[in-house]
C-alpha cells in the first residue's frame, strides 16, 4: 500500500478486470497448493505404518526408541490429514480475503 492508504498500484493496470475476477480465488489456490504439496509426504508414511515410519524416519537418525512411535503417529496424522484437509478447507470460506468494497475510498 502507498502512504496515503489507498489501494496498491496495479502492476499492469489494463488487467484490473482480471485481477478483480481472480482475487476471490486466491485462498483456494493457496489451500490447494499447500495441501497437494504436503499430501505426497504423508501418504508413504501412512502406507508404511507406524513401525515402518518410526524405523525409517526416526530410529535410523538416532531418536530415542520410546518416543519414535508416538512421533511417527503424530507425523502421519499431520502430513496425511493436514494434506487432505485442503479439500474441506477449499469448499468453505473460513478465511475469505478482505473485500475491496469495505476499504475506504479516497
C-alpha atoms as a PDB file:
ATOM      1  CA  UNK A   1       0.000   0.000   0.000  1.00  0.00           C
ATOM      2  CA  UNK A   2       1.079   3.528  -0.525  1.00  0.00           C
ATOM      3  CA  UNK A   3       1.496   6.030   2.280  1.00  0.00           C
ATOM      4  CA  UNK A   4      -1.888   7.639   1.557  1.00  0.00           C
ATOM      5  CA  UNK A   5      -3.758   4.425   2.494  1.00  0.00           C
ATOM      6  CA  UNK A   6      -5.298   3.878  -0.932  1.00  0.00           C
ATOM      7  CA  UNK A   7      -5.299   0.635  -2.884  1.00  0.00           C
ATOM      8  CA  UNK A   8      -1.938  -0.628  -4.125  1.00  0.00           C
ATOM      9  CA  UNK A   9      -0.823   0.376  -7.579  1.00  0.00           C
ATOM     10  CA  UNK A  10      -1.580  -2.355 -10.096  1.00  0.00           C
ATOM     11  CA  UNK A  11       1.362  -3.923 -11.868  1.00  0.00           C
ATOM     12  CA  UNK A  12      -0.480  -3.917 -15.201  1.00  0.00           C
ATOM     13  CA  UNK A  13      -3.479  -1.546 -14.936  1.00  0.00           C
ATOM     14  CA  UNK A  14      -5.094  -2.965 -18.080  1.00  0.00           C
ATOM     15  CA  UNK A  15      -5.590  -6.279 -16.239  1.00  0.00           C
ATOM     16  CA  UNK A  16      -7.794  -4.780 -13.489  1.00  0.00           C
ATOM     17  CA  UNK A  17     -10.882  -6.809 -14.567  1.00  0.00           C
ATOM     18  CA  UNK A  18      -8.783  -9.990 -14.437  1.00  0.00           C
ATOM     19  CA  UNK A  19      -7.359  -9.074 -11.012  1.00  0.00           C
ATOM     20  CA  UNK A  20     -10.872  -8.434  -9.687  1.00  0.00           C
ATOM     21  CA  UNK A  21     -12.042 -11.806 -11.039  1.00  0.00           C
ATOM     22  CA  UNK A  22      -9.208 -13.927  -9.580  1.00  0.00           C
ATOM     23  CA  UNK A  23      -8.886 -12.187  -6.206  1.00  0.00           C
ATOM     24  CA  UNK A  24     -11.604 -14.331  -4.514  1.00  0.00           C
ATOM     25  CA  UNK A  25      -9.906 -17.471  -5.865  1.00  0.00           C
ATOM     26  CA  UNK A  26      -6.563 -16.682  -4.237  1.00  0.00           C
ATOM     27  CA  UNK A  27      -7.253 -18.520  -0.939  1.00  0.00           C
ATOM     28  CA  UNK A  28      -8.476 -21.547  -2.852  1.00  0.00           C
ATOM     29  CA  UNK A  29      -5.257 -21.614  -4.858  1.00  0.00           C
ATOM     30  CA  UNK A  30      -3.127 -21.326  -1.711  1.00  0.00           C
ATOM     31  CA  UNK A  31      -5.049 -24.115   0.057  1.00  0.00           C
ATOM     32  CA  UNK A  32      -4.822 -26.420  -2.931  1.00  0.00           C
ATOM     33  CA  UNK A  33      -1.107 -25.778  -3.365  1.00  0.00           C
ATOM     34  CA  UNK A  34      -0.233 -26.382   0.292  1.00  0.00           C
ATOM     35  CA  UNK A  35      -2.443 -29.459   0.580  1.00  0.00           C
ATOM     36  CA  UNK A  36      -1.175 -31.035  -2.602  1.00  0.00           C
ATOM     37  CA  UNK A  37       2.431 -30.397  -1.541  1.00  0.00           C
ATOM     38  CA  UNK A  38       2.026 -31.965   1.929  1.00  0.00           C
ATOM     39  CA  UNK A  39      -0.078 -34.990   0.971  1.00  0.00           C
ATOM     40  CA  UNK A  40       2.669 -36.793  -1.015  1.00  0.00           C
ATOM     41  CA  UNK A  41       4.914 -36.593   2.065  1.00  0.00           C
ATOM     42  CA  UNK A  42       2.313 -38.211   4.325  1.00  0.00           C
ATOM     43  CA  UNK A  43       0.985 -40.908   2.003  1.00  0.00           C
ATOM     44  CA  UNK A  44       4.128 -43.123   2.016  1.00  0.00           C
ATOM     45  CA  UNK A  45       4.300 -42.836   5.808  1.00  0.00           C
ATOM     46  CA  UNK A  46       0.659 -43.909   6.051  1.00  0.00           C
ATOM     47  CA  UNK A  47       1.302 -46.893   3.791  1.00  0.00           C
ATOM     48  CA  UNK A  48       4.450 -47.898   5.731  1.00  0.00           C
ATOM     49  CA  UNK A  49       2.555 -47.868   9.031  1.00  0.00           C
ATOM     50  CA  UNK A  50       3.663 -46.705  12.449  1.00  0.00           C
ATOM     51  CA  UNK A  51       6.541 -49.163  12.845  1.00  0.00           C
ATOM     52  CA  UNK A  52       7.893 -48.539   9.356  1.00  0.00           C
ATOM     53  CA  UNK A  53       7.706 -44.775   9.720  1.00  0.00           C
ATOM     54  CA  UNK A  54       9.328 -44.910  13.159  1.00  0.00           C
ATOM     55  CA  UNK A  55      12.144 -47.079  11.824  1.00  0.00           C
ATOM     56  CA  UNK A  56      12.863 -45.100   8.666  1.00  0.00           C
ATOM     57  CA  UNK A  57      12.190 -41.576   9.866  1.00  0.00           C
ATOM     58  CA  UNK A  58      13.316 -41.577  13.492  1.00  0.00           C
ATOM     59  CA  UNK A  59      15.229 -44.641  14.692  1.00  0.00           C
ATOM     60  CA  UNK A  60      17.658 -44.527  11.795  1.00  0.00           C
ATOM     61  CA  UNK A  61      18.514 -40.961  12.794  1.00  0.00           C
ATOM     62  CA  UNK A  62      19.155 -41.951  16.408  1.00  0.00           C
ATOM     63  CA  UNK A  63      15.953 -40.749  18.069  1.00  0.00           C
ATOM     64  CA  UNK A  64      15.136 -42.414  21.364  1.00  0.00           C
ATOM     65  CA  UNK A  65      13.137 -45.641  20.840  1.00  0.00           C
ATOM     66  CA  UNK A  66      10.394 -44.726  23.340  1.00  0.00           C
ATOM     67  CA  UNK A  67       9.429 -41.570  21.501  1.00  0.00           C
ATOM     68  CA  UNK A  68       9.850 -42.766  17.900  1.00  0.00           C
ATOM     69  CA  UNK A  69       6.430 -44.426  17.585  1.00  0.00           C
ATOM     70  CA  UNK A  70       4.381 -41.566  19.124  1.00  0.00           C
ATOM     71  CA  UNK A  71       6.280 -39.144  16.892  1.00  0.00           C
ATOM     72  CA  UNK A  72       5.534 -41.383  13.885  1.00  0.00           C
ATOM     73  CA  UNK A  73       1.804 -41.298  14.699  1.00  0.00           C
ATOM     74  CA  UNK A  74       1.932 -37.516  15.015  1.00  0.00           C
ATOM     75  CA  UNK A  75       3.847 -37.168  11.746  1.00  0.00           C
ATOM     76  CA  UNK A  76       1.483 -39.460   9.839  1.00  0.00           C
ATOM     77  CA  UNK A  77      -1.572 -37.582  11.122  1.00  0.00           C
ATOM     78  CA  UNK A  78      -0.041 -34.193  10.496  1.00  0.00           C
ATOM     79  CA  UNK A  79       1.068 -34.820   6.939  1.00  0.00           C
ATOM     80  CA  UNK A  80      -1.777 -37.046   5.743  1.00  0.00           C
ATOM     81  CA  UNK A  81      -4.742 -35.418   7.480  1.00  0.00           C
ATOM     82  CA  UNK A  82      -3.293 -31.934   7.031  1.00  0.00           C
ATOM     83  CA  UNK A  83      -2.613 -32.521   3.378  1.00  0.00           C
ATOM     84  CA  UNK A  84      -6.057 -33.938   2.727  1.00  0.00           C
ATOM     85  CA  UNK A  85      -7.750 -31.126   4.670  1.00  0.00           C
ATOM     86  CA  UNK A  86      -7.297 -28.883   1.641  1.00  0.00           C
ATOM     87  CA  UNK A  87     -10.484 -30.427   0.266  1.00  0.00           C
ATOM     88  CA  UNK A  88     -12.674 -29.405   3.178  1.00  0.00           C
ATOM     89  CA  UNK A  89     -10.916 -26.078   3.623  1.00  0.00           C
ATOM     90  CA  UNK A  90     -11.260 -25.194  -0.037  1.00  0.00           C
ATOM     91  CA  UNK A  91     -15.000 -25.894  -0.027  1.00  0.00           C
ATOM     92  CA  UNK A  92     -15.773 -23.297   2.613  1.00  0.00           C
ATOM     93  CA  UNK A  93     -14.583 -19.766   3.039  1.00  0.00           C
ATOM     94  CA  UNK A  94     -13.182 -19.907   6.558  1.00  0.00           C
ATOM     95  CA  UNK A  95     -10.636 -17.193   5.819  1.00  0.00           C
ATOM     96  CA  UNK A  96     -12.001 -15.082   2.987  1.00  0.00           C
ATOM     97  CA  UNK A  97      -9.748 -12.417   1.541  1.00  0.00           C
ATOM     98  CA  UNK A  98     -10.597  -8.859   2.546  1.00  0.00           C
ATOM     99  CA  UNK A  99     -13.244  -7.350   0.339  1.00  0.00           C
ATOM    100  CA  UNK A 100     -12.190  -4.285  -1.602  1.00  0.00           C
ATOM    101  CA  UNK A 101     -15.683  -2.848  -1.248  1.00  0.00           C
ATOM    102  CA  UNK A 102     -15.118  -2.429   2.516  1.00  0.00           C
ATOM    103  CA  UNK A 103     -11.926  -0.428   2.053  1.00  0.00           C
ATOM    104  CA  UNK A 104     -12.269   3.336   2.465  1.00  0.00           C
ATOM    105  CA  UNK A 105     -12.346   5.152  -0.817  1.00  0.00           C
ATOM    106  CA  UNK A 106     -10.392   8.359  -1.247  1.00  0.00           C
END
